[in-house]
Protein backbone atom coordinates (compact mmCIF):
# COMPACT_ATOMS: atom_id res chain seq x y z
CA MET A 1 12.26 2.08 -30.72
CA ASP A 2 11.80 2.19 -34.47
CA CYS A 3 8.26 0.77 -34.67
CA ILE A 4 6.05 2.16 -37.44
CA PHE A 5 2.86 1.41 -35.49
CA CYS A 6 4.21 3.18 -32.39
CA LYS A 7 4.94 6.17 -34.61
CA ILE A 8 1.38 6.10 -36.00
CA ALA A 9 -0.04 5.79 -32.47
CA ASN A 10 2.10 8.76 -31.35
CA GLY A 11 1.05 10.88 -34.34
CA GLU A 12 4.57 10.95 -35.83
CA ILE A 13 3.39 9.23 -39.03
CA PRO A 14 0.01 10.16 -40.54
CA ALA A 15 -2.71 7.58 -40.99
CA THR A 16 -6.36 7.71 -41.97
CA LYS A 17 -7.78 7.08 -38.51
CA VAL A 18 -11.31 5.77 -38.08
CA TYR A 19 -11.15 5.53 -34.28
CA GLU A 20 -8.89 6.65 -31.46
CA ASP A 21 -9.04 6.72 -27.69
CA GLU A 22 -6.44 6.73 -24.92
CA THR A 23 -5.62 3.04 -25.47
CA VAL A 24 -6.25 2.17 -29.12
CA VAL A 25 -5.90 3.53 -32.65
CA ALA A 26 -7.75 2.13 -35.66
CA PHE A 27 -6.85 3.21 -39.18
CA ASN A 28 -7.31 2.19 -42.79
CA ASP A 29 -4.79 -0.32 -44.12
CA LEU A 30 -2.59 1.07 -46.92
CA GLU A 31 -2.85 -2.22 -48.85
CA PRO A 32 -6.48 -3.28 -48.31
CA GLN A 33 -7.44 -6.90 -48.84
CA ALA A 34 -11.17 -6.15 -48.69
CA PRO A 35 -13.43 -3.14 -49.35
CA THR A 36 -13.12 -2.34 -45.64
CA HIS A 37 -9.72 -3.15 -44.13
CA ILE A 38 -8.90 -1.49 -40.83
CA LEU A 39 -5.92 -2.12 -38.56
CA VAL A 40 -6.63 -1.90 -34.83
CA ILE A 41 -3.55 -1.44 -32.65
CA PRO A 42 -2.84 -0.69 -29.01
CA LYS A 43 -0.90 2.49 -28.29
CA GLU A 44 1.17 0.44 -25.86
CA HIS A 45 3.87 -1.56 -27.66
CA ILE A 46 3.15 -5.27 -27.42
CA SER A 47 5.23 -7.22 -29.92
CA SER A 48 2.77 -10.01 -30.73
CA ALA A 49 0.02 -12.25 -29.38
CA ALA A 50 2.80 -14.35 -27.87
CA GLU A 51 3.54 -11.38 -25.57
CA VAL A 52 0.02 -11.02 -24.11
CA THR A 53 0.14 -11.32 -20.32
CA GLU A 54 -2.18 -10.92 -17.37
CA GLU A 55 -0.83 -7.37 -17.03
CA ASN A 56 -1.61 -6.25 -20.61
CA SER A 57 -4.61 -8.45 -21.48
CA LYS A 58 -7.05 -5.65 -20.61
CA VAL A 59 -5.66 -3.75 -23.62
CA ILE A 60 -6.43 -6.72 -25.86
CA ALA A 61 -9.95 -7.01 -24.44
CA HIS A 62 -10.46 -3.31 -25.15
CA ILE A 63 -9.32 -3.83 -28.75
CA PHE A 64 -12.12 -6.35 -29.22
CA GLU A 65 -14.61 -3.92 -27.69
CA VAL A 66 -13.45 -1.35 -30.27
CA ILE A 67 -13.77 -3.93 -33.06
CA ALA A 68 -17.37 -4.63 -31.97
CA LYS A 69 -18.11 -0.88 -31.95
CA LEU A 70 -16.56 -0.35 -35.37
CA SER A 71 -18.46 -3.30 -36.83
CA LYS A 72 -21.72 -1.68 -35.71
CA ASP A 73 -20.76 1.89 -36.63
CA LEU A 74 -19.59 0.81 -40.10
CA LYS A 75 -22.64 -1.44 -40.60
CA MET A 76 -20.80 -4.72 -41.08
CA ASP A 77 -24.15 -6.50 -40.70
CA GLU A 78 -23.33 -9.27 -43.16
CA GLY A 79 -20.21 -10.24 -41.27
CA PHE A 80 -16.56 -9.43 -40.85
CA ARG A 81 -13.25 -11.15 -40.23
CA VAL A 82 -10.66 -10.37 -37.55
CA VAL A 83 -7.11 -11.58 -38.28
CA ASN A 84 -3.97 -11.54 -36.16
CA ASN A 85 -0.68 -12.86 -37.49
CA CYS A 86 1.85 -13.94 -34.86
CA GLY A 87 5.44 -14.47 -35.94
CA ASP A 88 7.32 -14.45 -39.22
CA SER A 89 6.01 -17.73 -40.62
CA ALA A 90 2.44 -16.61 -39.87
CA GLY A 91 2.96 -13.43 -41.90
CA GLN A 92 3.49 -10.86 -39.14
CA THR A 93 5.43 -8.09 -40.87
CA VAL A 94 5.19 -5.40 -38.16
CA LYS A 95 6.29 -6.53 -34.72
CA HIS A 96 3.56 -4.61 -32.90
CA ILE A 97 0.39 -6.57 -32.20
CA HIS A 98 -2.39 -5.58 -34.55
CA PHE A 99 -5.71 -6.91 -35.69
CA HIS A 100 -7.01 -6.71 -39.23
CA LEU A 101 -10.75 -5.94 -39.38
CA LEU A 102 -11.98 -6.93 -42.84
CA SER A 103 -15.45 -6.65 -44.34
CA GLY A 104 -17.35 -5.99 -47.54
CA ARG A 105 -16.71 -9.22 -49.45
CA LYS A 106 -17.16 -12.97 -49.14
CA PHE A 107 -14.19 -14.69 -47.48
CA THR A 108 -12.92 -18.22 -47.96
CA TRP A 109 -11.07 -20.49 -45.61
CA PRO A 110 -8.19 -20.94 -44.90
CA ALA A 111 -6.92 -18.22 -47.23
CA GLY A 112 -8.42 -15.34 -49.14
């Protein structure tokens, strides 16, 4: 499989990691959209949110536990945004489920 996020998770491609355990890797985004922009990915390859099942949903739950931990550890007291893009027309460019954890600026809705 030629998945860039699998390669990061396996240590084949370097990344500035802010968290890692046996299930999840979190690292700084190379093109940040906010002062803090972290990508949180499972080490297991799951293509998108459309591929979440009863069998792999524990991994997704763990990702949100990690996001909660990071938000506290990084003092995101004023708030943060979690974004997941699913599919081409939603802007998913890497076909490995990932969550953007953004903080450090005021966000608008629906874009920005």
